[in-house]
Amino acid sequence: MNADTIVAFIAIALALAFDFVNGFHDTANAVATVIYTKALKPGVAIVMSGILNFLGCVMVGTAVAMVITKIIPESEVTLPIVVSVLLAAVFWNLITWWFGLPVSSSHCLIGALTGAGVCAAGTKGISWHELEKVGLGLLISPLIGFAAGALLTWLALLISGEKENPGSNTLPNAKLMRWLHVLSSASVSFSHGSNDGQKTMGIITLILVTHFGQKSHEVPLWVMIAAATAIALGTVIGGWRVIRTVGTKISREKLSHSQGFGASMATALIILTASHFGAPISTTHTLSSAVAGGTIPVYGAGKLNAKTMKLIVLAWVLTLPVAAGLAALSYTVLKLVWH
């Protein structure tokens, strides 16, 4: 086994590590609202999320994975590029997790692909048409999430009667709303697996095509299962730092079941639609925006926590350029030692 083959196996391991980190970083997307409204116990919520992330990975298809394989043209993809992309994405995910910031693993990956591709081959190192489509999805999904979160929360308030008594367990439809909230949380987990798990599948497929001579960009079954397992295990371990931010710091008031249902169901519908059309969008951005949008019909815009929102937006804005810069730096260093 030559050195490049060893590095290729290391790159596959790094891709699965990114998937694992993605799982515990993005656990908050699915379980924060059900935990902080006490709809489910934390352990139950996290295990449910892990199982459904796995199922979402293996059941929805590979349309998103195919898009990931096209961002850097096949003729320009090399092992140093792939390794630098993964190093940058894992590093930024870990840093933001440590500070409890719910940033996008999708933005980490897309930014890193862009930075490494441009550093390696200039403007021809990126398929700009594909990147433009991905960028559009990343841009509009939080806006749709905010509006859909507000709308679905408003409808849920009409059903539950929580407008006057948010979080009350004595309302006629309180039990129904609690279980609708659990269902919506489960839907977020499934949709997260369907979209984010495929990004790792796409990266591993790039490695197989680039180094191991795989003839097509079809995702092998073992890659699907490996990616699904990694993201599920990461989810089960849980990311309590980010869960606390989403569950307690976006809104100044306690989350209600109506708000949790509205935000989670809006996120699940948006992500599943994106997965169907092959759009690698951000579950993190969509859910955080939906929680913010859902706060307005319950408590009013004045109850949004401006300090936390500013930190989240700053992390969103920084992720693409920082990930790109880290990937470019990683690629430059790798090329100095690569033979």
C-alpha atoms as a PDB file:
ATOM      1  CA  MET A   1       0.000   0.000   0.000  1.00  0.00           C
ATOM      2  CA  ASN A   2       1.590   3.283  -1.108  1.00  0.00           C
ATOM      3  CA  ALA A   3       1.529   6.579   0.778  1.00  0.00           C
ATOM      4  CA  ASP A   4      -1.243   8.116  -1.351  1.00  0.00           C
ATOM      5  CA  THR A   5      -3.542   5.166  -0.661  1.00  0.00           C
ATOM      6  CA  ILE A   6      -2.923   5.530   3.071  1.00  0.00           C
ATOM      7  CA  VAL A   7      -3.792   9.236   2.790  1.00  0.00           C
ATOM      8  CA  ALA A   8      -6.937   8.347   0.846  1.00  0.00           C
ATOM      9  CA  PHE A   9      -8.075   6.090   3.705  1.00  0.00           C
ATOM     10  CA  ILE A  10      -7.242   8.891   6.162  1.00  0.00           C
ATOM     11  CA  ALA A  11      -9.364  11.245   4.033  1.00  0.00           C
ATOM     12  CA  ILE A  12     -12.323   8.834   4.225  1.00  0.00           C
ATOM     13  CA  ALA A  13     -11.862   8.689   8.004  1.00  0.00           C
ATOM     14  CA  LEU A  14     -11.800  12.500   8.118  1.00  0.00           C
ATOM     15  CA  ALA A  15     -15.019  12.626   6.090  1.00  0.00           C
ATOM     16  CA  LEU A  16     -16.707  10.328   8.601  1.00  0.00           C
ATOM     17  CA  ALA A  17     -15.287  12.447  11.439  1.00  0.00           C
ATOM     18  CA  PHE A  18     -16.885  15.507   9.829  1.00  0.00           C
ATOM     19  CA  ASP A  19     -20.164  13.598   9.660  1.00  0.00           C
ATOM     20  CA  PHE A  20     -19.826  12.630  13.322  1.00  0.00           C
ATOM     21  CA  VAL A  21     -19.121  16.231  14.374  1.00  0.00           C
ATOM     22  CA  ASN A  22     -22.018  17.357  12.196  1.00  0.00           C
ATOM     23  CA  GLY A  23     -24.243  14.995  14.166  1.00  0.00           C
ATOM     24  CA  PHE A  24     -23.414  16.308  17.627  1.00  0.00           C
ATOM     25  CA  HIS A  25     -23.140  19.912  16.411  1.00  0.00           C
ATOM     26  CA  ASP A  26     -26.568  19.803  14.767  1.00  0.00           C
ATOM     27  CA  THR A  27     -28.390  17.725  17.409  1.00  0.00           C
ATOM     28  CA  ALA A  28     -29.842  21.013  18.662  1.00  0.00           C
ATOM     29  CA  ASN A  29     -31.713  21.451  15.380  1.00  0.00           C
ATOM     30  CA  ALA A  30     -33.988  18.570  16.242  1.00  0.00           C
ATOM     31  CA  VAL A  31     -34.105  18.217  20.011  1.00  0.00           C
ATOM     32  CA  ALA A  32     -33.638  21.649  21.615  1.00  0.00           C
ATOM     33  CA  THR A  33     -37.300  22.631  21.420  1.00  0.00           C
ATOM     34  CA  VAL A  34     -38.713  19.310  22.690  1.00  0.00           C
ATOM     35  CA  ILE A  35     -36.197  19.214  25.546  1.00  0.00           C
ATOM     36  CA  TYR A  36     -36.777  22.760  26.737  1.00  0.00           C
ATOM     37  CA  THR A  37     -40.560  22.495  26.508  1.00  0.00           C
ATOM     38  CA  LYS A  38     -40.305  19.136  28.338  1.00  0.00           C
ATOM     39  CA  ALA A  39     -42.208  17.381  25.555  1.00  0.00           C
ATOM     40  CA  LEU A  40     -39.625  14.585  25.782  1.00  0.00           C
ATOM     41  CA  LYS A  41     -36.895  13.644  28.219  1.00  0.00           C
ATOM     42  CA  PRO A  42     -33.410  14.545  26.904  1.00  0.00           C
ATOM     43  CA  GLY A  43     -32.192  10.962  26.557  1.00  0.00           C
ATOM     44  CA  VAL A  44     -35.299   9.858  24.676  1.00  0.00           C
ATOM     45  CA  ALA A  45     -35.178  12.883  22.376  1.00  0.00           C
ATOM     46  CA  ILE A  46     -31.509  12.394  21.494  1.00  0.00           C
ATOM     47  CA  VAL A  47     -31.777   8.644  20.840  1.00  0.00           C
ATOM     48  CA  MET A  48     -34.888   9.230  18.694  1.00  0.00           C
ATOM     49  CA  SER A  49     -32.979  11.877  16.771  1.00  0.00           C
ATOM     50  CA  GLY A  50     -30.017   9.554  16.177  1.00  0.00           C
ATOM     51  CA  ILE A  51     -32.202   6.754  14.813  1.00  0.00           C
ATOM     52  CA  LEU A  52     -34.126   9.084  12.506  1.00  0.00           C
ATOM     53  CA  ASN A  53     -30.943  10.750  11.270  1.00  0.00           C
ATOM     54  CA  PHE A  54     -29.717   7.291  10.240  1.00  0.00           C
ATOM     55  CA  LEU A  55     -32.992   6.501   8.439  1.00  0.00           C
ATOM     56  CA  GLY A  56     -33.009   9.869   6.674  1.00  0.00           C
ATOM     57  CA  CYS A  57     -29.499   9.204   5.365  1.00  0.00           C
ATOM     58  CA  VAL A  58     -30.308   5.836   3.824  1.00  0.00           C
ATOM     59  CA  MET A  59     -33.908   6.314   2.643  1.00  0.00           C
ATOM     60  CA  VAL A  60     -34.130   9.639   0.799  1.00  0.00           C
ATOM     61  CA  GLY A  61     -31.648   9.181  -2.060  1.00  0.00           C
ATOM     62  CA  THR A  62     -28.389  10.827  -3.103  1.00  0.00           C
ATOM     63  CA  ALA A  63     -29.393  13.971  -5.020  1.00  0.00           C
ATOM     64  CA  VAL A  64     -27.545  16.245  -2.564  1.00  0.00           C
ATOM     65  CA  ALA A  65     -24.428  14.041  -2.671  1.00  0.00           C
ATOM     66  CA  MET A  66     -24.331  14.381  -6.458  1.00  0.00           C
ATOM     67  CA  VAL A  67     -24.332  18.181  -6.194  1.00  0.00           C
ATOM     68  CA  ILE A  68     -21.423  18.101  -3.713  1.00  0.00           C
ATOM     69  CA  THR A  69     -19.337  16.047  -6.161  1.00  0.00           C
ATOM     70  CA  LYS A  70     -19.800  18.722  -8.842  1.00  0.00           C
ATOM     71  CA  ILE A  71     -18.679  21.877  -6.977  1.00  0.00           C
ATOM     72  CA  ILE A  72     -15.033  21.192  -7.846  1.00  0.00           C
ATOM     73  CA  PRO A  73     -14.735  19.874 -11.431  1.00  0.00           C
ATOM     74  CA  GLU A  74     -13.671  16.230 -11.549  1.00  0.00           C
ATOM     75  CA  SER A  75     -10.586  17.108 -13.593  1.00  0.00           C
ATOM     76  CA  GLU A  76      -9.317  19.354 -10.791  1.00  0.00           C
ATOM     77  CA  VAL A  77     -10.059  17.182  -7.737  1.00  0.00           C
ATOM     78  CA  THR A  78      -6.990  15.818  -5.920  1.00  0.00           C
ATOM     79  CA  LEU A  79      -6.416  14.167  -2.556  1.00  0.00           C
ATOM     80  CA  PRO A  80      -4.699  17.266  -1.079  1.00  0.00           C
ATOM     81  CA  ILE A  81      -7.795  19.315  -1.974  1.00  0.00           C
ATOM     82  CA  VAL A  82     -10.161  16.841  -0.338  1.00  0.00           C
ATOM     83  CA  VAL A  83      -8.034  16.509   2.808  1.00  0.00           C
ATOM     84  CA  SER A  84      -7.709  20.289   3.172  1.00  0.00           C
ATOM     85  CA  VAL A  85     -11.480  20.704   2.769  1.00  0.00           C
ATOM     86  CA  LEU A  86     -12.173  18.197   5.531  1.00  0.00           C
ATOM     87  CA  LEU A  87      -9.548  19.587   7.911  1.00  0.00           C
ATOM     88  CA  ALA A  88     -11.029  23.082   7.577  1.00  0.00           C
ATOM     89  CA  ALA A  89     -14.635  21.932   7.968  1.00  0.00           C
ATOM     90  CA  VAL A  90     -13.951  19.763  11.032  1.00  0.00           C
ATOM     91  CA  PHE A  91     -11.854  22.469  12.714  1.00  0.00           C
ATOM     92  CA  TRP A  92     -14.446  25.251  12.292  1.00  0.00           C
ATOM     93  CA  ASN A  93     -17.269  22.949  13.376  1.00  0.00           C
ATOM     94  CA  LEU A  94     -15.392  22.074  16.576  1.00  0.00           C
ATOM     95  CA  ILE A  95     -14.531  25.707  17.365  1.00  0.00           C
ATOM     96  CA  THR A  96     -18.123  26.905  16.962  1.00  0.00           C
ATOM     97  CA  TRP A  97     -19.456  23.912  18.917  1.00  0.00           C
ATOM     98  CA  TRP A  98     -17.107  24.780  21.794  1.00  0.00           C
ATOM     99  CA  PHE A  99     -18.616  28.278  21.978  1.00  0.00           C
ATOM    100  CA  GLY A 100     -22.157  26.952  21.576  1.00  0.00           C
ATOM    101  CA  LEU A 101     -22.811  28.744  18.285  1.00  0.00           C
ATOM    102  CA  PRO A 102     -25.330  26.984  15.981  1.00  0.00           C
ATOM    103  CA  VAL A 103     -23.490  27.519  12.703  1.00  0.00           C
ATOM    104  CA  SER A 104     -23.952  25.570   9.518  1.00  0.00           C
ATOM    105  CA  SER A 105     -21.948  22.453   8.710  1.00  0.00           C
ATOM    106  CA  SER A 106     -23.150  23.011   5.144  1.00  0.00           C
ATOM    107  CA  HIS A 107     -21.535  26.451   5.058  1.00  0.00           C
ATOM    108  CA  CYS A 108     -18.345  24.928   6.517  1.00  0.00           C
ATOM    109  CA  LEU A 109     -18.188  22.365   3.731  1.00  0.00           C
ATOM    110  CA  ILE A 110     -19.178  24.664   0.848  1.00  0.00           C
ATOM    111  CA  GLY A 111     -16.793  27.401   2.014  1.00  0.00           C
ATOM    112  CA  ALA A 112     -13.957  24.891   2.375  1.00  0.00           C
ATOM    113  CA  LEU A 113     -14.587  23.401  -1.082  1.00  0.00           C
ATOM    114  CA  THR A 114     -14.500  26.890  -2.581  1.00  0.00           C
ATOM    115  CA  GLY A 115     -11.325  27.944  -0.782  1.00  0.00           C
ATOM    116  CA  ALA A 116      -9.400  24.764  -1.597  1.00  0.00           C
ATOM    117  CA  GLY A 117     -10.590  24.672  -5.214  1.00  0.00           C
ATOM    118  CA  VAL A 118      -9.597  28.275  -5.920  1.00  0.00           C
ATOM    119  CA  CYS A 119      -6.275  27.927  -4.083  1.00  0.00           C
ATOM    120  CA  ALA A 120      -5.418  24.798  -6.082  1.00  0.00           C
ATOM    121  CA  ALA A 121      -6.548  25.778  -9.578  1.00  0.00           C
ATOM    122  CA  GLY A 122      -7.679  29.400  -9.601  1.00  0.00           C
ATOM    123  CA  THR A 123     -11.089  30.209 -11.077  1.00  0.00           C
ATOM    124  CA  LYS A 124     -11.227  26.905 -12.972  1.00  0.00           C
ATOM    125  CA  GLY A 125     -11.032  25.071  -9.646  1.00  0.00           C
ATOM    126  CA  ILE A 126     -14.733  25.726  -9.015  1.00  0.00           C
ATOM    127  CA  SER A 127     -17.838  24.980 -11.043  1.00  0.00           C
ATOM    128  CA  TRP A 128     -19.347  28.427 -10.571  1.00  0.00           C
ATOM    129  CA  HIS A 129     -22.737  27.453 -11.966  1.00  0.00           C
ATOM    130  CA  GLU A 130     -23.101  24.694  -9.354  1.00  0.00           C
ATOM    131  CA  LEU A 131     -21.793  26.972  -6.596  1.00  0.00           C
ATOM    132  CA  GLU A 132     -24.293  29.659  -7.567  1.00  0.00           C
ATOM    133  CA  LYS A 133     -27.193  27.208  -7.218  1.00  0.00           C
ATOM    134  CA  VAL A 134     -25.913  26.018  -3.831  1.00  0.00           C
ATOM    135  CA  GLY A 135     -25.365  29.589  -2.650  1.00  0.00           C
ATOM    136  CA  LEU A 136     -28.900  30.572  -3.597  1.00  0.00           C
ATOM    137  CA  GLY A 137     -30.328  27.716  -1.520  1.00  0.00           C
ATOM    138  CA  LEU A 138     -28.143  28.607   1.460  1.00  0.00           C
ATOM    139  CA  LEU A 139     -29.234  32.245   1.209  1.00  0.00           C
ATOM    140  CA  ILE A 140     -32.994  31.864   0.898  1.00  0.00           C
ATOM    141  CA  SER A 141     -33.586  28.902   3.227  1.00  0.00           C
ATOM    142  CA  PRO A 142     -33.213  30.952   6.469  1.00  0.00           C
ATOM    143  CA  LEU A 143     -35.584  33.613   5.088  1.00  0.00           C
ATOM    144  CA  ILE A 144     -38.173  30.982   4.203  1.00  0.00           C
ATOM    145  CA  GLY A 145     -37.564  29.353   7.596  1.00  0.00           C
ATOM    146  CA  PHE A 146     -38.260  32.627   9.430  1.00  0.00           C
ATOM    147  CA  ALA A 147     -41.515  33.232   7.542  1.00  0.00           C
ATOM    148  CA  ALA A 148     -42.672  29.613   7.690  1.00  0.00           C
ATOM    149  CA  GLY A 149     -41.838  29.369  11.395  1.00  0.00           C
ATOM    150  CA  ALA A 150     -43.952  32.445  12.100  1.00  0.00           C
ATOM    151  CA  LEU A 151     -46.859  31.189   9.970  1.00  0.00           C
ATOM    152  CA  LEU A 152     -46.961  27.642  11.330  1.00  0.00           C
ATOM    153  CA  THR A 153     -46.589  28.873  14.898  1.00  0.00           C
ATOM    154  CA  TRP A 154     -49.514  31.262  14.377  1.00  0.00           C
ATOM    155  CA  LEU A 155     -51.641  28.390  13.052  1.00  0.00           C
ATOM    156  CA  ALA A 156     -50.573  26.199  15.981  1.00  0.00           C
ATOM    157  CA  LEU A 157     -51.597  28.933  18.407  1.00  0.00           C
ATOM    158  CA  LEU A 158     -55.082  28.930  16.895  1.00  0.00           C
ATOM    159  CA  ILE A 159     -55.335  25.159  17.405  1.00  0.00           C
ATOM    160  CA  SER A 160     -53.853  25.044  20.900  1.00  0.00           C
ATOM    161  CA  GLY A 161     -55.141  28.258  22.432  1.00  0.00           C
ATOM    162  CA  GLU A 162     -51.619  28.986  23.734  1.00  0.00           C
ATOM    163  CA  LYS A 163     -51.614  32.613  22.618  1.00  0.00           C
ATOM    164  CA  GLU A 164     -52.904  33.807  25.987  1.00  0.00           C
ATOM    165  CA  ASN A 165     -51.196  31.090  28.068  1.00  0.00           C
ATOM    166  CA  PRO A 166     -47.943  29.981  26.376  1.00  0.00           C
ATOM    167  CA  GLY A 167     -46.718  26.628  27.651  1.00  0.00           C
ATOM    168  CA  SER A 168     -49.877  25.878  29.639  1.00  0.00           C
ATOM    169  CA  ASN A 169     -50.660  22.181  30.104  1.00  0.00           C
ATOM    170  CA  THR A 170     -54.293  22.804  31.069  1.00  0.00           C
ATOM    171  CA  LEU A 171     -55.587  23.957  27.684  1.00  0.00           C
ATOM    172  CA  PRO A 172     -58.017  21.603  25.859  1.00  0.00           C
ATOM    173  CA  ASN A 173     -55.563  20.829  23.026  1.00  0.00           C
ATOM    174  CA  ALA A 174     -52.363  20.969  25.084  1.00  0.00           C
ATOM    175  CA  LYS A 175     -51.720  17.216  24.852  1.00  0.00           C
ATOM    176  CA  LEU A 176     -52.384  17.195  21.092  1.00  0.00           C
ATOM    177  CA  MET A 177     -49.954  20.075  20.583  1.00  0.00           C
ATOM    178  CA  ARG A 178     -47.300  18.348  22.665  1.00  0.00           C
ATOM    179  CA  TRP A 179     -47.396  15.244  20.459  1.00  0.00           C
ATOM    180  CA  LEU A 180     -47.527  17.309  17.281  1.00  0.00           C
ATOM    181  CA  HIS A 181     -44.399  19.003  18.596  1.00  0.00           C
ATOM    182  CA  VAL A 182     -42.718  15.610  19.121  1.00  0.00           C
ATOM    183  CA  LEU A 183     -43.727  14.567  15.590  1.00  0.00           C
ATOM    184  CA  SER A 184     -42.268  17.747  14.126  1.00  0.00           C
ATOM    185  CA  SER A 185     -39.027  17.245  16.065  1.00  0.00           C
ATOM    186  CA  ALA A 186     -38.767  13.690  14.700  1.00  0.00           C
ATOM    187  CA  SER A 187     -39.322  15.104  11.205  1.00  0.00           C
ATOM    188  CA  VAL A 188     -36.401  17.510  11.645  1.00  0.00           C
ATOM    189  CA  SER A 189     -34.112  14.609  12.579  1.00  0.00           C
ATOM    190  CA  PHE A 190     -35.169  12.599   9.534  1.00  0.00           C
ATOM    191  CA  SER A 191     -34.804  15.597   7.209  1.00  0.00           C
ATOM    192  CA  HIS A 192     -31.408  16.495   8.705  1.00  0.00           C
ATOM    193  CA  GLY A 193     -30.114  13.024   7.927  1.00  0.00           C
ATOM    194  CA  SER A 194     -31.560  13.221   4.422  1.00  0.00           C
ATOM    195  CA  ASN A 195     -29.608  16.402   3.644  1.00  0.00           C
ATOM    196  CA  ASP A 196     -26.499  16.635   5.831  1.00  0.00           C
ATOM    197  CA  GLY A 197     -25.613  12.947   5.682  1.00  0.00           C
ATOM    198  CA  GLN A 198     -25.464  13.153   1.903  1.00  0.00           C
ATOM    199  CA  LYS A 199     -22.762  15.827   2.011  1.00  0.00           C
ATOM    200  CA  THR A 200     -20.335  13.345   3.518  1.00  0.00           C
ATOM    201  CA  MET A 201     -21.448  10.721   0.984  1.00  0.00           C
ATOM    202  CA  GLY A 202     -20.521  13.178  -1.767  1.00  0.00           C
ATOM    203  CA  ILE A 203     -17.052  13.817  -0.323  1.00  0.00           C
ATOM    204  CA  ILE A 204     -16.267  10.105   0.084  1.00  0.00           C
ATOM    205  CA  THR A 205     -17.501   9.474  -3.458  1.00  0.00           C
ATOM    206  CA  LEU A 206     -15.058  12.152  -4.673  1.00  0.00           C
ATOM    207  CA  ILE A 207     -12.240  10.252  -2.959  1.00  0.00           C
ATOM    208  CA  LEU A 208     -13.324   6.969  -4.540  1.00  0.00           C
ATOM    209  CA  VAL A 209     -13.459   8.516  -8.022  1.00  0.00           C
ATOM    210  CA  THR A 210     -10.220  10.496  -7.623  1.00  0.00           C
ATOM    211  CA  HIS A 211      -7.949   7.880  -6.092  1.00  0.00           C
ATOM    212  CA  PHE A 212      -9.570   4.454  -6.290  1.00  0.00           C
ATOM    213  CA  GLY A 213     -10.758   4.712  -9.897  1.00  0.00           C
ATOM    214  CA  GLN A 214     -14.504   4.379  -9.289  1.00  0.00           C
ATOM    215  CA  LYS A 215     -16.060   4.872 -12.713  1.00  0.00           C
ATOM    216  CA  SER A 216     -19.162   6.825 -11.742  1.00  0.00           C
ATOM    217  CA  HIS A 217     -20.312   9.278  -9.107  1.00  0.00           C
ATOM    218  CA  GLU A 218     -22.954   6.873  -7.815  1.00  0.00           C
ATOM    219  CA  VAL A 219     -22.781   6.485  -4.033  1.00  0.00           C
ATOM    220  CA  PRO A 220     -21.977   2.884  -3.003  1.00  0.00           C
ATOM    221  CA  LEU A 221     -24.203   1.284  -0.382  1.00  0.00           C
ATOM    222  CA  TRP A 222     -21.350   0.950   2.130  1.00  0.00           C
ATOM    223  CA  VAL A 223     -20.722   4.706   1.899  1.00  0.00           C
ATOM    224  CA  MET A 224     -24.398   5.426   2.604  1.00  0.00           C
ATOM    225  CA  ILE A 225     -24.391   3.132   5.650  1.00  0.00           C
ATOM    226  CA  ALA A 226     -21.069   4.484   6.968  1.00  0.00           C
ATOM    227  CA  ALA A 227     -22.207   8.110   6.655  1.00  0.00           C
ATOM    228  CA  ALA A 228     -25.577   7.324   8.225  1.00  0.00           C
ATOM    229  CA  THR A 229     -23.894   5.553  11.147  1.00  0.00           C
ATOM    230  CA  ALA A 230     -21.422   8.380  11.765  1.00  0.00           C
ATOM    231  CA  ILE A 231     -24.068  11.108  11.843  1.00  0.00           C
ATOM    232  CA  ALA A 232     -26.360   8.983  14.010  1.00  0.00           C
ATOM    233  CA  LEU A 233     -23.607   8.284  16.561  1.00  0.00           C
ATOM    234  CA  GLY A 234     -22.707  11.972  16.674  1.00  0.00           C
ATOM    235  CA  THR A 235     -26.350  12.839  17.233  1.00  0.00           C
ATOM    236  CA  VAL A 236     -26.750  10.360  20.090  1.00  0.00           C
ATOM    237  CA  ILE A 237     -23.702  11.804  21.880  1.00  0.00           C
ATOM    238  CA  GLY A 238     -25.415  15.182  21.647  1.00  0.00           C
ATOM    239  CA  GLY A 239     -24.205  18.761  21.579  1.00  0.00           C
ATOM    240  CA  TRP A 240     -25.449  20.360  24.787  1.00  0.00           C
ATOM    241  CA  ARG A 241     -23.640  23.652  24.218  1.00  0.00           C
ATOM    242  CA  VAL A 242     -25.594  24.333  21.027  1.00  0.00           C
ATOM    243  CA  ILE A 243     -28.820  22.837  22.428  1.00  0.00           C
ATOM    244  CA  ARG A 244     -28.769  25.438  25.224  1.00  0.00           C
ATOM    245  CA  THR A 245     -28.324  28.289  22.730  1.00  0.00           C
ATOM    246  CA  VAL A 246     -31.234  27.227  20.520  1.00  0.00           C
ATOM    247  CA  GLY A 247     -33.487  26.235  23.408  1.00  0.00           C
ATOM    248  CA  THR A 248     -32.982  29.183  25.747  1.00  0.00           C
ATOM    249  CA  LYS A 249     -31.127  32.100  24.177  1.00  0.00           C
ATOM    250  CA  ILE A 250     -32.811  32.966  20.862  1.00  0.00           C
ATOM    251  CA  SER A 251     -36.066  33.974  22.557  1.00  0.00           C
ATOM    252  CA  ARG A 252     -36.114  35.818  25.889  1.00  0.00           C
ATOM    253  CA  GLU A 253     -39.227  33.866  26.856  1.00  0.00           C
ATOM    254  CA  LYS A 254     -39.756  30.165  27.461  1.00  0.00           C
ATOM    255  CA  LEU A 255     -40.489  28.131  24.336  1.00  0.00           C
ATOM    256  CA  SER A 256     -44.054  26.873  23.985  1.00  0.00           C
ATOM    257  CA  HIS A 257     -45.212  23.677  22.265  1.00  0.00           C
ATOM    258  CA  SER A 258     -46.865  25.769  19.544  1.00  0.00           C
ATOM    259  CA  GLN A 259     -43.622  27.602  18.854  1.00  0.00           C
ATOM    260  CA  GLY A 260     -41.600  24.387  18.943  1.00  0.00           C
ATOM    261  CA  PHE A 261     -44.023  22.690  16.560  1.00  0.00           C
ATOM    262  CA  GLY A 262     -44.101  25.659  14.178  1.00  0.00           C
ATOM    263  CA  ALA A 263     -40.319  26.025  14.024  1.00  0.00           C
ATOM    264  CA  SER A 264     -39.596  22.301  13.742  1.00  0.00           C
ATOM    265  CA  MET A 265     -42.269  21.478  11.177  1.00  0.00           C
ATOM    266  CA  ALA A 266     -41.287  24.468   9.028  1.00  0.00           C
ATOM    267  CA  THR A 267     -37.660  23.302   9.128  1.00  0.00           C
ATOM    268  CA  ALA A 268     -38.513  19.686   8.300  1.00  0.00           C
ATOM    269  CA  LEU A 269     -40.670  20.618   5.294  1.00  0.00           C
ATOM    270  CA  ILE A 270     -38.032  22.989   3.900  1.00  0.00           C
ATOM    271  CA  ILE A 271     -35.153  20.513   4.336  1.00  0.00           C
ATOM    272  CA  LEU A 272     -37.044  17.555   2.859  1.00  0.00           C
ATOM    273  CA  THR A 273     -38.004  19.657  -0.158  1.00  0.00           C
ATOM    274  CA  ALA A 274     -34.380  20.714  -0.588  1.00  0.00           C
ATOM    275  CA  SER A 275     -33.178  17.105  -0.308  1.00  0.00           C
ATOM    276  CA  HIS A 276     -35.639  16.038  -3.000  1.00  0.00           C
ATOM    277  CA  PHE A 277     -34.278  18.657  -5.408  1.00  0.00           C
ATOM    278  CA  GLY A 278     -30.625  18.094  -4.470  1.00  0.00           C
ATOM    279  CA  ALA A 279     -30.077  21.408  -2.671  1.00  0.00           C
ATOM    280  CA  PRO A 280     -27.494  21.164   0.165  1.00  0.00           C
ATOM    281  CA  ILE A 281     -28.954  23.759   2.534  1.00  0.00           C
ATOM    282  CA  SER A 282     -28.397  24.478   6.203  1.00  0.00           C
ATOM    283  CA  THR A 283     -30.595  22.790   8.786  1.00  0.00           C
ATOM    284  CA  THR A 284     -28.972  24.987  11.448  1.00  0.00           C
ATOM    285  CA  HIS A 285     -29.777  28.278   9.750  1.00  0.00           C
ATOM    286  CA  THR A 286     -33.279  27.202   8.833  1.00  0.00           C
ATOM    287  CA  LEU A 287     -34.170  25.995  12.337  1.00  0.00           C
ATOM    288  CA  SER A 288     -32.636  28.977  14.145  1.00  0.00           C
ATOM    289  CA  SER A 289     -34.498  31.341  11.826  1.00  0.00           C
ATOM    290  CA  ALA A 290     -37.733  29.407  12.313  1.00  0.00           C
ATOM    291  CA  VAL A 291     -37.386  29.618  16.114  1.00  0.00           C
ATOM    292  CA  ALA A 292     -36.865  33.371  15.797  1.00  0.00           C
ATOM    293  CA  GLY A 293     -39.839  33.684  13.433  1.00  0.00           C
ATOM    294  CA  GLY A 294     -42.004  31.592  15.745  1.00  0.00           C
ATOM    295  CA  THR A 295     -41.234  33.888  18.681  1.00  0.00           C
ATOM    296  CA  ILE A 296     -43.068  36.793  17.047  1.00  0.00           C
ATOM    297  CA  PRO A 297     -46.667  35.444  16.979  1.00  0.00           C
ATOM    298  CA  VAL A 298     -46.252  34.102  20.542  1.00  0.00           C
ATOM    299  CA  TYR A 299     -44.490  36.959  22.326  1.00  0.00           C
ATOM    300  CA  GLY A 300     -43.837  39.704  19.760  1.00  0.00           C
ATOM    301  CA  ALA A 301     -40.607  40.813  18.071  1.00  0.00           C
ATOM    302  CA  GLY A 302     -39.466  42.580  21.240  1.00  0.00           C
ATOM    303  CA  LYS A 303     -38.839  39.232  22.932  1.00  0.00           C
ATOM    304  CA  LEU A 304     -36.169  38.172  20.450  1.00  0.00           C
ATOM    305  CA  ASN A 305     -32.773  38.119  22.170  1.00  0.00           C
ATOM    306  CA  ALA A 306     -30.860  40.666  20.092  1.00  0.00           C
ATOM    307  CA  LYS A 307     -27.462  39.782  21.587  1.00  0.00           C
ATOM    308  CA  THR A 308     -27.759  36.081  20.759  1.00  0.00           C
ATOM    309  CA  MET A 309     -29.210  36.805  17.318  1.00  0.00           C
ATOM    310  CA  LYS A 310     -26.259  39.076  16.509  1.00  0.00           C
ATOM    311  CA  LEU A 311     -23.772  36.386  17.564  1.00  0.00           C
ATOM    312  CA  ILE A 312     -25.545  33.754  15.469  1.00  0.00           C
ATOM    313  CA  VAL A 313     -25.708  36.033  12.411  1.00  0.00           C
ATOM    314  CA  LEU A 314     -22.022  36.928  12.856  1.00  0.00           C
ATOM    315  CA  ALA A 315     -21.120  33.230  12.946  1.00  0.00           C
ATOM    316  CA  TRP A 316     -23.240  32.662   9.821  1.00  0.00           C
ATOM    317  CA  VAL A 317     -21.512  35.502   7.967  1.00  0.00           C
ATOM    318  CA  LEU A 318     -18.032  34.412   9.024  1.00  0.00           C
ATOM    319  CA  THR A 319     -18.377  30.688   8.322  1.00  0.00           C
ATOM    320  CA  LEU A 320     -18.070  30.754   4.519  1.00  0.00           C
ATOM    321  CA  PRO A 321     -14.972  33.014   4.305  1.00  0.00           C
ATOM    322  CA  VAL A 322     -13.305  31.499   7.391  1.00  0.00           C
ATOM    323  CA  ALA A 323     -13.812  27.940   6.137  1.00  0.00           C
ATOM    324  CA  ALA A 324     -12.546  28.983   2.705  1.00  0.00           C
ATOM    325  CA  GLY A 325      -9.470  30.591   4.250  1.00  0.00           C
ATOM    326  CA  LEU A 326      -8.746  27.590   6.477  1.00  0.00           C
ATOM    327  CA  ALA A 327      -9.054  25.220   3.518  1.00  0.00           C
ATOM    328  CA  ALA A 328      -6.749  27.371   1.383  1.00  0.00           C
ATOM    329  CA  LEU A 329      -4.204  27.489   4.219  1.00  0.00           C
ATOM    330  CA  SER A 330      -4.456  23.737   4.745  1.00  0.00           C
ATOM    331  CA  TYR A 331      -3.979  23.093   1.031  1.00  0.00           C
ATOM    332  CA  THR A 332      -0.921  25.367   0.890  1.00  0.00           C
ATOM    333  CA  VAL A 333       0.701  23.555   3.821  1.00  0.00           C
ATOM    334  CA  LEU A 334      -0.171  20.111   2.443  1.00  0.00           C
ATOM    335  CA  LYS A 335       1.361  20.931  -0.945  1.00  0.00           C
ATOM    336  CA  LEU A 336       4.627  21.817   0.771  1.00  0.00           C
ATOM    337  CA  VAL A 337       4.896  18.334   2.276  1.00  0.00           C
ATOM    338  CA  TRP A 338       3.093  16.321  -0.416  1.00  0.00           C
ATOM    339  CA  HIS A 339       5.300  14.368  -2.774  1.00  0.00           C
END
